[in-house]
PDB file of N, CA and C in Angstrom:
ATOM      1  N   MET A   1       0.848  -1.172   0.000  1.00  0.00           N
ATOM      2  CA  MET A   1       0.000   0.000   0.000  1.00  0.00           C
ATOM      3  C   MET A   1       0.898   1.242   0.000  1.00  0.00           C
ATOM      4  N   ALA A   2       0.552   2.226  -0.815  1.00  0.00           N
ATOM      5  CA  ALA A   2       1.344   3.451  -0.911  1.00  0.00           C
ATOM      6  C   ALA A   2       1.337   4.199   0.415  1.00  0.00           C
ATOM      7  N   GLY A   3       2.490   4.760   0.765  1.00  0.00           N
ATOM      8  CA  GLY A   3       2.574   5.554   1.983  1.00  0.00           C
ATOM      9  C   GLY A   3       2.729   4.758   3.258  1.00  0.00           C
ATOM     10  N   GLU A   4       2.847   3.451   3.147  1.00  0.00           N
ATOM     11  CA  GLU A   4       2.992   2.648   4.367  1.00  0.00           C
ATOM     12  C   GLU A   4       4.410   2.755   4.904  1.00  0.00           C
ATOM     13  N   LYS A   5       4.506   2.749   6.217  1.00  0.00           N
ATOM     14  CA  LYS A   5       5.792   2.777   6.914  1.00  0.00           C
ATOM     15  C   LYS A   5       5.980   1.451   7.633  1.00  0.00           C
ATOM     16  N   GLN A   6       7.218   0.969   7.625  1.00  0.00           N
ATOM     17  CA  GLN A   6       7.541  -0.215   8.413  1.00  0.00           C
ATOM     18  C   GLN A   6       7.735   0.221   9.859  1.00  0.00           C
ATOM     19  N   ILE A   7       7.220  -0.582  10.774  1.00  0.00           N
ATOM     20  CA  ILE A   7       7.326  -0.285  12.203  1.00  0.00           C
ATOM     21  C   ILE A   7       7.994  -1.466  12.894  1.00  0.00           C
ATOM     22  N   ILE A   8       8.939  -1.165  13.779  1.00  0.00           N
ATOM     23  CA  ILE A   8       9.520  -2.173  14.661  1.00  0.00           C
ATOM     24  C   ILE A   8       9.057  -1.836  16.070  1.00  0.00           C
ATOM     25  N   ILE A   9       8.503  -2.833  16.739  1.00  0.00           N
ATOM     26  CA  ILE A   9       7.919  -2.651  18.068  1.00  0.00           C
ATOM     27  C   ILE A   9       8.633  -3.567  19.054  1.00  0.00           C
ATOM     28  N   ALA A  10       8.946  -3.053  20.241  1.00  0.00           N
ATOM     29  CA  ALA A  10       9.475  -3.864  21.343  1.00  0.00           C
ATOM     30  C   ALA A  10       8.349  -4.072  22.352  1.00  0.00           C
ATOM     31  N   ILE A  11       8.231  -5.308  22.829  1.00  0.00           N
ATOM     32  CA  ILE A  11       7.167  -5.659  23.774  1.00  0.00           C
ATOM     33  C   ILE A  11       7.808  -6.418  24.927  1.00  0.00           C
ATOM     34  N   GLY A  12       7.424  -6.079  26.158  1.00  0.00           N
ATOM     35  CA  GLY A  12       7.973  -6.786  27.304  1.00  0.00           C
ATOM     36  C   GLY A  12       7.016  -6.797  28.473  1.00  0.00           C
ATOM     37  N   SER A  13       7.212  -7.789  29.348  1.00  0.00           N
ATOM     38  CA  SER A  13       6.409  -7.903  30.565  1.00  0.00           C
ATOM     39  C   SER A  13       7.215  -8.645  31.623  1.00  0.00           C
ATOM     40  N   ASN A  14       7.038  -8.227  32.887  1.00  0.00           N
ATOM     41  CA  ASN A  14       7.668  -8.949  33.997  1.00  0.00           C
ATOM     42  C   ASN A  14       6.629  -9.450  35.001  1.00  0.00           C
ATOM     43  N   TYR A  15       5.362  -9.352  34.642  1.00  0.00           N
ATOM     44  CA  TYR A  15       4.281  -9.778  35.536  1.00  0.00           C
ATOM     45  C   TYR A  15       3.373 -10.723  34.761  1.00  0.00           C
ATOM     46  N   ASN A  16       3.334 -11.990  35.186  1.00  0.00           N
ATOM     47  CA  ASN A  16       2.585 -13.005  34.449  1.00  0.00           C
ATOM     48  C   ASN A  16       2.876 -12.833  32.956  1.00  0.00           C
ATOM     49  N   PRO A  17       4.170 -12.852  32.598  1.00  0.00           N
ATOM     50  CA  PRO A  17       4.559 -12.399  31.264  1.00  0.00           C
ATOM     51  C   PRO A  17       4.019 -13.224  30.100  1.00  0.00           C
ATOM     52  N   ARG A  18       3.900 -14.525  30.251  1.00  0.00           N
ATOM     53  CA  ARG A  18       3.362 -15.318  29.129  1.00  0.00           C
ATOM     54  C   ARG A  18       1.944 -14.871  28.796  1.00  0.00           C
ATOM     55  N   HIS A  19       1.118 -14.750  29.824  1.00  0.00           N
ATOM     56  CA  HIS A  19      -0.271 -14.334  29.618  1.00  0.00           C
ATOM     57  C   HIS A  19      -0.334 -12.913  29.064  1.00  0.00           C
ATOM     58  N   ASN A  20       0.417 -12.004  29.668  1.00  0.00           N
ATOM     59  CA  ASN A  20       0.329 -10.603  29.262  1.00  0.00           C
ATOM     60  C   ASN A  20       0.910 -10.350  27.873  1.00  0.00           C
ATOM     61  N   LEU A  21       1.960 -11.073  27.504  1.00  0.00           N
ATOM     62  CA  LEU A  21       2.468 -10.945  26.135  1.00  0.00           C
ATOM     63  C   LEU A  21       1.453 -11.487  25.137  1.00  0.00           C
ATOM     64  N   SER A  22       0.822 -12.598  25.481  1.00  0.00           N
ATOM     65  CA  SER A  22      -0.204 -13.165  24.607  1.00  0.00           C
ATOM     66  C   SER A  22      -1.355 -12.179  24.409  1.00  0.00           C
ATOM     67  N   HIS A  23      -1.784 -11.555  25.497  1.00  0.00           N
ATOM     68  CA  HIS A  23      -2.856 -10.561  25.416  1.00  0.00           C
ATOM     69  C   HIS A  23      -2.423  -9.373  24.553  1.00  0.00           C
ATOM     70  N   ALA A  24      -1.216  -8.885  24.763  1.00  0.00           N
ATOM     71  CA  ALA A  24      -0.714  -7.755  23.976  1.00  0.00           C
ATOM     72  C   ALA A  24      -0.620  -8.117  22.494  1.00  0.00           C
ATOM     73  N   GLU A  25      -0.186  -9.332  22.204  1.00  0.00           N
ATOM     74  CA  GLU A  25      -0.086  -9.765  20.809  1.00  0.00           C
ATOM     75  C   GLU A  25      -1.462  -9.792  20.156  1.00  0.00           C
ATOM     76  N   MET A  26      -2.463 -10.249  20.884  1.00  0.00           N
ATOM     77  CA  MET A  26      -3.824 -10.270  20.358  1.00  0.00           C
ATOM     78  C   MET A  26      -4.292  -8.842  20.042  1.00  0.00           C
ATOM     79  N   VAL A  27      -4.049  -7.920  20.965  1.00  0.00           N
ATOM     80  CA  VAL A  27      -4.452  -6.522  20.773  1.00  0.00           C
ATOM     81  C   VAL A  27      -3.690  -5.910  19.589  1.00  0.00           C
ATOM     82  N   LEU A  28      -2.395  -6.183  19.498  1.00  0.00           N
ATOM     83  CA  LEU A  28      -1.598  -5.653  18.392  1.00  0.00           C
ATOM     84  C   LEU A  28      -2.053  -6.223  17.047  1.00  0.00           C
ATOM     85  N   ARG A  29      -2.390  -7.515  17.006  1.00  0.00           N
ATOM     86  CA  ARG A  29      -2.864  -8.133  15.753  1.00  0.00           C
ATOM     87  C   ARG A  29      -4.154  -7.484  15.252  1.00  0.00           C
ATOM     88  N   LYS A  30      -5.016  -7.087  16.175  1.00  0.00           N
ATOM     89  CA  LYS A  30      -6.254  -6.409  15.761  1.00  0.00           C
ATOM     90  C   LYS A  30      -5.944  -5.079  15.085  1.00  0.00           C
ATOM     91  N   HIS A  31      -4.944  -4.390  15.584  1.00  0.00           N
ATOM     92  CA  HIS A  31      -4.586  -3.072  15.045  1.00  0.00           C
ATOM     93  C   HIS A  31      -3.692  -3.179  13.808  1.00  0.00           C
ATOM     94  N   PHE A  32      -2.793  -4.161  13.820  1.00  0.00           N
ATOM     95  CA  PHE A  32      -1.841  -4.363  12.721  1.00  0.00           C
ATOM     96  C   PHE A  32      -1.973  -5.805  12.220  1.00  0.00           C
ATOM     97  N   PRO A  33      -2.892  -6.078  11.307  1.00  0.00           N
ATOM     98  CA  PRO A  33      -3.130  -7.463  10.868  1.00  0.00           C
ATOM     99  C   PRO A  33      -1.908  -8.143  10.250  1.00  0.00           C
ATOM    100  N   ASN A  34      -0.965  -7.366   9.720  1.00  0.00           N
ATOM    101  CA  ASN A  34       0.208  -7.948   9.062  1.00  0.00           C
ATOM    102  C   ASN A  34       1.401  -8.126  10.006  1.00  0.00           C
ATOM    103  N   ILE A  35       1.191  -8.002  11.292  1.00  0.00           N
ATOM    104  CA  ILE A  35       2.289  -8.042  12.267  1.00  0.00           C
ATOM    105  C   ILE A  35       2.876  -9.448  12.383  1.00  0.00           C
ATOM    106  N   ILE A  36       4.192  -9.498  12.532  1.00  0.00           N
ATOM    107  CA  ILE A  36       4.878 -10.761  12.832  1.00  0.00           C
ATOM    108  C   ILE A  36       5.736 -10.534  14.075  1.00  0.00           C
ATOM    109  N   PHE A  37       5.914 -11.601  14.853  1.00  0.00           N
ATOM    110  CA  PHE A  37       6.606 -11.510  16.137  1.00  0.00           C
ATOM    111  C   PHE A  37       7.855 -12.374  16.148  1.00  0.00           C
ATOM    112  N   SER A  38       8.862 -11.907  16.882  1.00  0.00           N
ATOM    113  CA  SER A  38      10.052 -12.719  17.136  1.00  0.00           C
ATOM    114  C   SER A  38       9.700 -13.786  18.159  1.00  0.00           C
ATOM    115  N   LYS A  39      10.644 -14.671  18.378  1.00  0.00           N
ATOM    116  CA  LYS A  39      10.479 -15.609  19.486  1.00  0.00           C
ATOM    117  C   LYS A  39      10.593 -14.828  20.795  1.00  0.00           C
ATOM    118  N   PRO A  40      10.010 -15.333  21.871  1.00  0.00           N
ATOM    119  CA  PRO A  40      10.162 -14.658  23.168  1.00  0.00           C
ATOM    120  C   PRO A  40      11.561 -14.889  23.743  1.00  0.00           C
ATOM    121  N   MET A  41      12.033 -13.924  24.520  1.00  0.00           N
ATOM    122  CA  MET A  41      13.343 -14.040  25.156  1.00  0.00           C
ATOM    123  C   MET A  41      13.244 -13.582  26.606  1.00  0.00           C
ATOM    124  N   TYR A  42      13.727 -14.435  27.514  1.00  0.00           N
ATOM    125  CA  TYR A  42      13.799 -14.054  28.929  1.00  0.00           C
ATOM    126  C   TYR A  42      14.992 -13.135  29.120  1.00  0.00           C
ATOM    127  N   THR A  43      14.775 -12.040  29.870  1.00  0.00           N
ATOM    128  CA  THR A  43      15.852 -11.085  30.118  1.00  0.00           C
ATOM    129  C   THR A  43      15.808 -10.612  31.565  1.00  0.00           C
ATOM    130  N   THR A  44      16.977 -10.224  32.064  1.00  0.00           N
ATOM    131  CA  THR A  44      17.034  -9.652  33.407  1.00  0.00           C
ATOM    132  C   THR A  44      16.674  -8.172  33.317  1.00  0.00           C
ATOM    133  N   PRO A  45      16.074  -7.634  34.362  1.00  0.00           N
ATOM    134  CA  PRO A  45      15.655  -6.229  34.342  1.00  0.00           C
ATOM    135  C   PRO A  45      16.844  -5.278  34.213  1.00  0.00           C
ATOM    136  N   ILE A  46      16.591  -4.154  33.561  1.00  0.00           N
ATOM    137  CA  ILE A  46      17.600  -3.107  33.403  1.00  0.00           C
ATOM    138  C   ILE A  46      17.061  -1.854  34.079  1.00  0.00           C
ATOM    139  N   GLY A  47      17.733  -1.425  35.130  1.00  0.00           N
ATOM    140  CA  GLY A  47      17.371  -0.169  35.778  1.00  0.00           C
ATOM    141  C   GLY A  47      16.264  -0.248  36.815  1.00  0.00           C
ATOM    142  N   ILE A  48      15.701  -1.433  37.046  1.00  0.00           N
ATOM    143  CA  ILE A  48      14.684  -1.596  38.091  1.00  0.00           C
ATOM    144  C   ILE A  48      14.903  -2.922  38.796  1.00  0.00           C
ATOM    145  N   VAL A  49      14.446  -3.008  40.028  1.00  0.00           N
ATOM    146  CA  VAL A  49      14.468  -4.266  40.769  1.00  0.00           C
ATOM    147  C   VAL A  49      13.118  -4.919  40.531  1.00  0.00           C
ATOM    148  N   SER A  50      13.137  -6.067  39.861  1.00  0.00           N
ATOM    149  CA  SER A  50      11.883  -6.730  39.516  1.00  0.00           C
ATOM    150  C   SER A  50      12.174  -8.152  39.061  1.00  0.00           C
ATOM    151  N   PRO A  51      11.121  -8.936  38.883  1.00  0.00           N
ATOM    152  CA  PRO A  51      11.307 -10.263  38.281  1.00  0.00           C
ATOM    153  C   PRO A  51      11.822 -10.116  36.846  1.00  0.00           C
ATOM    154  N   ASP A  52      12.316 -11.229  36.296  1.00  0.00           N
ATOM    155  CA  ASP A  52      12.775 -11.226  34.910  1.00  0.00           C
ATOM    156  C   ASP A  52      11.630 -10.876  33.961  1.00  0.00           C
ATOM    157  N   PHE A  53      12.012 -10.391  32.814  1.00  0.00           N
ATOM    158  CA  PHE A  53      11.072 -10.038  31.753  1.00  0.00           C
ATOM    159  C   PHE A  53      11.033 -11.135  30.696  1.00  0.00           C
ATOM    160  N   ILE A  54       9.959 -11.167  29.954  1.00  0.00           N
ATOM    161  CA  ILE A  54       9.945 -11.822  28.651  1.00  0.00           C
ATOM    162  C   ILE A  54       9.758 -10.689  27.648  1.00  0.00           C
ATOM    163  N   ASN A  55      10.611 -10.687  26.622  1.00  0.00           N
ATOM    164  CA  ASN A  55      10.578  -9.643  25.596  1.00  0.00           C
ATOM    165  C   ASN A  55      10.420 -10.255  24.217  1.00  0.00           C
ATOM    166  N   ARG A  56       9.849  -9.470  23.319  1.00  0.00           N
ATOM    167  CA  ARG A  56       9.711  -9.836  21.916  1.00  0.00           C
ATOM    168  C   ARG A  56       9.879  -8.576  21.079  1.00  0.00           C
ATOM    169  N   ILE A  57      10.168  -8.792  19.822  1.00  0.00           N
ATOM    170  CA  ILE A  57      10.187  -7.730  18.818  1.00  0.00           C
ATOM    171  C   ILE A  57       9.077  -8.074  17.826  1.00  0.00           C
ATOM    172  N   ALA A  58       8.443  -7.049  17.295  1.00  0.00           N
ATOM    173  CA  ALA A  58       7.419  -7.261  16.273  1.00  0.00           C
ATOM    174  C   ALA A  58       7.690  -6.337  15.097  1.00  0.00           C
ATOM    175  N   LEU A  59       7.256  -6.772  13.937  1.00  0.00           N
ATOM    176  CA  LEU A  59       7.426  -6.012  12.709  1.00  0.00           C
ATOM    177  C   LEU A  59       6.087  -5.941  11.998  1.00  0.00           C
ATOM    178  N   CYS A  60       5.730  -4.744  11.539  1.00  0.00           N
ATOM    179  CA  CYS A  60       4.499  -4.578  10.769  1.00  0.00           C
ATOM    180  C   CYS A  60       4.633  -3.334   9.911  1.00  0.00           C
ATOM    181  N   SER A  61       3.598  -3.042   9.155  1.00  0.00           N
ATOM    182  CA  SER A  61       3.576  -1.811   8.373  1.00  0.00           C
ATOM    183  C   SER A  61       2.200  -1.179   8.485  1.00  0.00           C
ATOM    184  N   THR A  62       2.182   0.142   8.317  1.00  0.00           N
ATOM    185  CA  THR A  62       0.931   0.886   8.434  1.00  0.00           C
ATOM    186  C   THR A  62       1.060   2.218   7.708  1.00  0.00           C
ATOM    187  N   ALA A  63      -0.064   2.756   7.309  1.00  0.00           N
ATOM    188  CA  ALA A  63      -0.109   4.106   6.746  1.00  0.00           C
ATOM    189  C   ALA A  63      -0.511   5.122   7.812  1.00  0.00           C
ATOM    190  N   GLU A  64      -0.815   4.636   9.008  1.00  0.00           N
ATOM    191  CA  GLU A  64      -1.254   5.512  10.100  1.00  0.00           C
ATOM    192  C   GLU A  64      -0.106   6.422  10.542  1.00  0.00           C
ATOM    193  N   PRO A  65      -0.385   7.697  10.812  1.00  0.00           N
ATOM    194  CA  PRO A  65       0.674   8.602  11.265  1.00  0.00           C
ATOM    195  C   PRO A  65       1.201   8.224  12.652  1.00  0.00           C
ATOM    196  N   LEU A  66       2.462   8.562  12.891  1.00  0.00           N
ATOM    197  CA  LEU A  66       3.133   8.195  14.137  1.00  0.00           C
ATOM    198  C   LEU A  66       2.390   8.691  15.366  1.00  0.00           C
ATOM    199  N   ASP A  67       1.914   9.924  15.366  1.00  0.00           N
ATOM    200  CA  ASP A  67       1.247  10.443  16.564  1.00  0.00           C
ATOM    201  C   ASP A  67       0.011   9.620  16.923  1.00  0.00           C
ATOM    202  N   MET A  68      -0.711   9.138  15.927  1.00  0.00           N
ATOM    203  CA  MET A  68      -1.883   8.293  16.195  1.00  0.00           C
ATOM    204  C   MET A  68      -1.462   6.918  16.721  1.00  0.00           C
ATOM    205  N   ILE A  69      -0.392   6.378  16.155  1.00  0.00           N
ATOM    206  CA  ILE A  69       0.094   5.075  16.616  1.00  0.00           C
ATOM    207  C   ILE A  69       0.519   5.163  18.072  1.00  0.00           C
ATOM    208  N   LEU A  70       1.220   6.224  18.437  1.00  0.00           N
ATOM    209  CA  LEU A  70       1.663   6.375  19.826  1.00  0.00           C
ATOM    210  C   LEU A  70       0.473   6.459  20.777  1.00  0.00           C
ATOM    211  N   LYS A  71      -0.571   7.156  20.392  1.00  0.00           N
ATOM    212  CA  LYS A  71      -1.790   7.208  21.216  1.00  0.00           C
ATOM    213  C   LYS A  71      -2.432   5.831  21.310  1.00  0.00           C
ATOM    214  N   ASP A  72      -2.491   5.134  20.177  1.00  0.00           N
ATOM    215  CA  ASP A  72      -3.084   3.792  20.160  1.00  0.00           C
ATOM    216  C   ASP A  72      -2.293   2.822  21.036  1.00  0.00           C
ATOM    217  N   ILE A  73      -0.962   2.914  20.968  1.00  0.00           N
ATOM    218  CA  ILE A  73      -0.102   2.038  21.776  1.00  0.00           C
ATOM    219  C   ILE A  73      -0.341   2.291  23.261  1.00  0.00           C
ATOM    220  N   LYS A  74      -0.432   3.543  23.650  1.00  0.00           N
ATOM    221  CA  LYS A  74      -0.704   3.882  25.059  1.00  0.00           C
ATOM    222  C   LYS A  74      -2.027   3.258  25.497  1.00  0.00           C
ATOM    223  N   GLN A  75      -3.039   3.340  24.644  1.00  0.00           N
ATOM    224  CA  GLN A  75      -4.336   2.747  24.963  1.00  0.00           C
ATOM    225  C   GLN A  75      -4.236   1.225  25.045  1.00  0.00           C
ATOM    226  N   MET A  76      -3.438   0.617  24.165  1.00  0.00           N
ATOM    227  CA  MET A  76      -3.237  -0.836  24.211  1.00  0.00           C
ATOM    228  C   MET A  76      -2.615  -1.247  25.541  1.00  0.00           C
ATOM    229  N   GLU A  77      -1.625  -0.479  26.002  1.00  0.00           N
ATOM    230  CA  GLU A  77      -1.000  -0.786  27.292  1.00  0.00           C
ATOM    231  C   GLU A  77      -2.029  -0.721  28.415  1.00  0.00           C
ATOM    232  N   LEU A  78      -2.881   0.284  28.398  1.00  0.00           N
ATOM    233  CA  LEU A  78      -3.930   0.398  29.421  1.00  0.00           C
ATOM    234  C   LEU A  78      -4.912  -0.760  29.324  1.00  0.00           C
ATOM    235  N   THR A  79      -5.293  -1.126  28.107  1.00  0.00           N
ATOM    236  CA  THR A  79      -6.202  -2.253  27.886  1.00  0.00           C
ATOM    237  C   THR A  79      -5.619  -3.543  28.452  1.00  0.00           C
ATOM    238  N   CYS A  80      -4.307  -3.676  28.360  1.00  0.00           N
ATOM    239  CA  CYS A  80      -3.630  -4.879  28.853  1.00  0.00           C
ATOM    240  C   CYS A  80      -3.375  -4.835  30.359  1.00  0.00           C
ATOM    241  N   GLY A  81      -3.753  -3.744  31.021  1.00  0.00           N
ATOM    242  CA  GLY A  81      -3.642  -3.674  32.474  1.00  0.00           C
ATOM    243  C   GLY A  81      -2.474  -2.884  33.007  1.00  0.00           C
ATOM    244  N   ASN A  82      -1.729  -2.225  32.149  1.00  0.00           N
ATOM    245  CA  ASN A  82      -0.584  -1.443  32.603  1.00  0.00           C
ATOM    246  C   ASN A  82      -1.047  -0.159  33.285  1.00  0.00           C
ATOM    247  N   THR A  83      -0.436   0.165  34.431  1.00  0.00           N
ATOM    248  CA  THR A  83      -0.746   1.420  35.122  1.00  0.00           C
ATOM    249  C   THR A  83       0.546   2.031  35.665  1.00  0.00           C
ATOM    250  N   ASP A  84       0.532   3.339  35.860  1.00  0.00           N
ATOM    251  CA  ASP A  84       1.689   4.023  36.455  1.00  0.00           C
ATOM    252  C   ASP A  84       1.926   3.539  37.881  1.00  0.00           C
ATOM    253  N   ARG A  85       0.850   3.275  38.614  1.00  0.00           N
ATOM    254  CA  ARG A  85       0.971   2.810  40.000  1.00  0.00           C
ATOM    255  C   ARG A  85       1.739   1.488  40.050  1.00  0.00           C
ATOM    256  N   LEU A  86       1.383   0.551  39.182  1.00  0.00           N
ATOM    257  CA  LEU A  86       2.094  -0.729  39.145  1.00  0.00           C
ATOM    258  C   LEU A  86       3.549  -0.530  38.718  1.00  0.00           C
ATOM    259  N   ARG A  87       3.780   0.335  37.752  1.00  0.00           N
ATOM    260  CA  ARG A  87       5.150   0.603  37.292  1.00  0.00           C
ATOM    261  C   ARG A  87       6.024   1.116  38.430  1.00  0.00           C
ATOM    262  N   ARG A  88       5.459   1.982  39.260  1.00  0.00           N
ATOM    263  CA  ARG A  88       6.228   2.510  40.403  1.00  0.00           C
ATOM    264  C   ARG A  88       6.605   1.393  41.376  1.00  0.00           C
ATOM    265  N   GLN A  89       5.851   0.300  41.363  1.00  0.00           N
ATOM    266  CA  GLN A  89       6.143  -0.855  42.220  1.00  0.00           C
ATOM    267  C   GLN A  89       7.063  -1.860  41.517  1.00  0.00           C
ATOM    268  N   GLY A  90       7.524  -1.533  40.314  1.00  0.00           N
ATOM    269  CA  GLY A  90       8.395  -2.434  39.561  1.00  0.00           C
ATOM    270  C   GLY A  90       7.640  -3.489  38.781  1.00  0.00           C
ATOM    271  N   ILE A  91       6.314  -3.355  38.704  1.00  0.00           N
ATOM    272  CA  ILE A  91       5.488  -4.316  37.972  1.00  0.00           C
ATOM    273  C   ILE A  91       5.177  -3.731  36.600  1.00  0.00           C
ATOM    274  N   VAL A  92       5.692  -4.403  35.579  1.00  0.00           N
ATOM    275  CA  VAL A  92       5.429  -3.974  34.207  1.00  0.00           C
ATOM    276  C   VAL A  92       4.516  -5.021  33.582  1.00  0.00           C
ATOM    277  N   VAL A  93       3.221  -4.758  33.645  1.00  0.00           N
ATOM    278  CA  VAL A  93       2.249  -5.695  33.075  1.00  0.00           C
ATOM    279  C   VAL A  93       2.528  -5.846  31.590  1.00  0.00           C
ATOM    280  N   ILE A  94       2.696  -4.730  30.909  1.00  0.00           N
ATOM    281  CA  ILE A  94       3.087  -4.755  29.499  1.00  0.00           C
ATOM    282  C   ILE A  94       3.755  -3.433  29.155  1.00  0.00           C
ATOM    283  N   ASP A  95       4.780  -3.511  28.348  1.00  0.00           N
ATOM    284  CA  ASP A  95       5.455  -2.323  27.831  1.00  0.00           C
ATOM    285  C   ASP A  95       5.533  -2.498  26.323  1.00  0.00           C
ATOM    286  N   ILE A  96       4.974  -1.563  25.596  1.00  0.00           N
ATOM    287  CA  ILE A  96       4.986  -1.600  24.134  1.00  0.00           C
ATOM    288  C   ILE A  96       5.636  -0.303  23.666  1.00  0.00           C
ATOM    289  N   ASP A  97       6.769  -0.430  22.985  1.00  0.00           N
ATOM    290  CA  ASP A  97       7.493   0.746  22.505  1.00  0.00           C
ATOM    291  C   ASP A  97       7.731   0.645  21.005  1.00  0.00           C
ATOM    292  N   ILE A  98       7.551   1.750  20.314  1.00  0.00           N
ATOM    293  CA  ILE A  98       7.906   1.829  18.902  1.00  0.00           C
ATOM    294  C   ILE A  98       9.409   2.102  18.836  1.00  0.00           C
ATOM    295  N   LEU A  99      10.164   1.154  18.273  1.00  0.00           N
ATOM    296  CA  LEU A  99      11.604   1.346  18.113  1.00  0.00           C
ATOM    297  C   LEU A  99      11.929   2.071  16.815  1.00  0.00           C
ATOM    298  N   LYS A 100      11.094   1.837  15.803  1.00  0.00           N
ATOM    299  CA  LYS A 100      11.359   2.470  14.511  1.00  0.00           C
ATOM    300  C   LYS A 100      10.048   2.664  13.764  1.00  0.00           C
ATOM    301  N   TYR A 101       9.891   3.836  13.188  1.00  0.00           N
ATOM    302  CA  TYR A 101       8.732   4.170  12.362  1.00  0.00           C
ATOM    303  C   TYR A 101       9.283   4.687  11.043  1.00  0.00           C
ATOM    304  N   GLY A 102       9.164   3.894   9.985  1.00  0.00           N
ATOM    305  CA  GLY A 102       9.801   4.268   8.719  1.00  0.00           C
ATOM    306  C   GLY A 102      11.299   4.363   8.926  1.00  0.00           C
ATOM    307  N   ASP A 103      11.878   5.516   8.636  1.00  0.00           N
ATOM    308  CA  ASP A 103      13.320   5.731   8.822  1.00  0.00           C
ATOM    309  C   ASP A 103      13.664   6.331  10.179  1.00  0.00           C
ATOM    310  N   LYS A 104      12.657   6.628  10.987  1.00  0.00           N
ATOM    311  CA  LYS A 104      12.874   7.310  12.268  1.00  0.00           C
ATOM    312  C   LYS A 104      13.087   6.301  13.398  1.00  0.00           C
ATOM    313  N   LYS A 105      14.309   6.297  13.958  1.00  0.00           N
ATOM    314  CA  LYS A 105      14.598   5.457  15.121  1.00  0.00           C
ATOM    315  C   LYS A 105      14.132   6.169  16.382  1.00  0.00           C
ATOM    316  N   MET A 106      13.566   5.399  17.280  1.00  0.00           N
ATOM    317  CA  MET A 106      13.076   5.931  18.548  1.00  0.00           C
ATOM    318  C   MET A 106      13.658   5.079  19.675  1.00  0.00           C
ATOM    319  N   HIS A 107      13.543   5.555  20.916  1.00  0.00           N
ATOM    320  CA  HIS A 107      14.099   4.826  22.072  1.00  0.00           C
ATOM    321  C   HIS A 107      15.542   4.406  21.760  1.00  0.00           C
ATOM    322  N   ILE A 108      16.345   5.377  21.401  1.00  0.00           N
ATOM    323  CA  ILE A 108      17.705   5.142  20.906  1.00  0.00           C
ATOM    324  C   ILE A 108      18.527   4.271  21.851  1.00  0.00           C
ATOM    325  N   ASN A 109      18.445   4.492  23.153  1.00  0.00           N
ATOM    326  CA  ASN A 109      19.228   3.688  24.101  1.00  0.00           C
ATOM    327  C   ASN A 109      18.831   2.217  24.068  1.00  0.00           C
ATOM    328  N   ASP A 110      17.576   1.925  23.785  1.00  0.00           N
ATOM    329  CA  ASP A 110      17.123   0.531  23.736  1.00  0.00           C
ATOM    330  C   ASP A 110      17.804  -0.255  22.619  1.00  0.00           C
ATOM    331  N   TRP A 111      18.180   0.412  21.541  1.00  0.00           N
ATOM    332  CA  TRP A 111      18.818  -0.266  20.412  1.00  0.00           C
ATOM    333  C   TRP A 111      20.141  -0.920  20.821  1.00  0.00           C
ATOM    334  N   GLN A 112      20.773  -0.441  21.896  1.00  0.00           N
ATOM    335  CA  GLN A 112      22.059  -0.988  22.337  1.00  0.00           C
ATOM    336  C   GLN A 112      21.904  -2.175  23.285  1.00  0.00           C
ATOM    337  N   ARG A 113      20.711  -2.435  23.734  1.00  0.00           N
ATOM    338  CA  ARG A 113      20.501  -3.543  24.668  1.00  0.00           C
ATOM    339  C   ARG A 113      20.748  -4.872  23.951  1.00  0.00           C
ATOM    340  N   PRO A 114      21.517  -5.768  24.591  1.00  0.00           N
ATOM    341  CA  PRO A 114      21.866  -7.025  23.923  1.00  0.00           C
ATOM    342  C   PRO A 114      20.652  -7.828  23.446  1.00  0.00           C
ATOM    343  N   TYR A 115      19.593  -7.889  24.231  1.00  0.00           N
ATOM    344  CA  TYR A 115      18.441  -8.689  23.802  1.00  0.00           C
ATOM    345  C   TYR A 115      17.741  -8.062  22.598  1.00  0.00           C
ATOM    346  N   ILE A 116      17.720  -6.733  22.525  1.00  0.00           N
ATOM    347  CA  ILE A 116      17.135  -6.062  21.350  1.00  0.00           C
ATOM    348  C   ILE A 116      17.982  -6.390  20.122  1.00  0.00           C
ATOM    349  N   GLN A 117      19.299  -6.273  20.260  1.00  0.00           N
ATOM    350  CA  GLN A 117      20.199  -6.588  19.150  1.00  0.00           C
ATOM    351  C   GLN A 117      20.001  -8.030  18.677  1.00  0.00           C
ATOM    352  N   GLN A 118      19.925  -8.957  19.632  1.00  0.00           N
ATOM    353  CA  GLN A 118      19.777 -10.365  19.268  1.00  0.00           C
ATOM    354  C   GLN A 118      18.445 -10.620  18.559  1.00  0.00           C
ATOM    355  N   LEU A 119      17.360 -10.072  19.093  1.00  0.00           N
ATOM    356  CA  LEU A 119      16.050 -10.288  18.469  1.00  0.00           C
ATOM    357  C   LEU A 119      15.971  -9.625  17.092  1.00  0.00           C
ATOM    358  N   LEU A 120      16.557  -8.454  16.942  1.00  0.00           N
ATOM    359  CA  LEU A 120      16.581  -7.798  15.633  1.00  0.00           C
ATOM    360  C   LEU A 120      17.360  -8.629  14.621  1.00  0.00           C
ATOM    361  N   LYS A 121      18.501  -9.190  15.048  1.00  0.00           N
ATOM    362  CA  LYS A 121      19.296 -10.043  14.155  1.00  0.00           C
ATOM    363  C   LYS A 121      18.515 -11.283  13.757  1.00  0.00           C
ATOM    364  N   GLU A 122      17.837 -11.901  14.723  1.00  0.00           N
ATOM    365  CA  GLU A 122      17.077 -13.115  14.426  1.00  0.00           C
ATOM    366  C   GLU A 122      15.954 -12.858  13.425  1.00  0.00           C
ATOM    367  N   MET A 123      15.452 -11.618  13.396  1.00  0.00           N
ATOM    368  CA  MET A 123      14.391 -11.278  12.440  1.00  0.00           C
ATOM    369  C   MET A 123      14.958 -10.605  11.183  1.00  0.00           C
ATOM    370  N   ASN A 124      16.303 -10.640  11.040  1.00  0.00           N
ATOM    371  CA  ASN A 124      16.986 -10.049   9.884  1.00  0.00           C
ATOM    372  C   ASN A 124      16.662  -8.569   9.714  1.00  0.00           C
ATOM    373  N   LEU A 125      16.582  -7.856  10.831  1.00  0.00           N
ATOM    374  CA  LEU A 125      16.275  -6.426  10.796  1.00  0.00           C
ATOM    375  C   LEU A 125      17.518  -5.563  10.961  1.00  0.00           C
ATOM    376  N   ILE A 126      18.648  -6.193  11.296  1.00  0.00           N
ATOM    377  CA  ILE A 126      19.936  -5.476  11.318  1.00  0.00           C
ATOM    378  C   ILE A 126      20.999  -6.400  10.755  1.00  0.00           C
TER     379      ILE A 126
END
């Protein structure tokens, strides 16, 4: 489709992560029917004291503008049970971040994380 941008999404959870990642994937599939997911990867927390995370990378394309996608992603996180109160307690029910929208890289520091690098390589994205 003309005008579509490729999107790379990072998804993670440290609270009932199998269930919450599955729920997030279902919500993301409704919004991005062409989405594909990496395999899940267990990772140790970075910058917080919490249980281990399960993380995934996803790839899709859309013609939707970035500002709308960011609003939609925030709503998806809320739908999946994510709250600021839980985050302050080190509980990340779900975290969905746009790493790349078209040619625009976002969350620049995340690109250096070993698990992000490994998952991107496994999906032939770097």
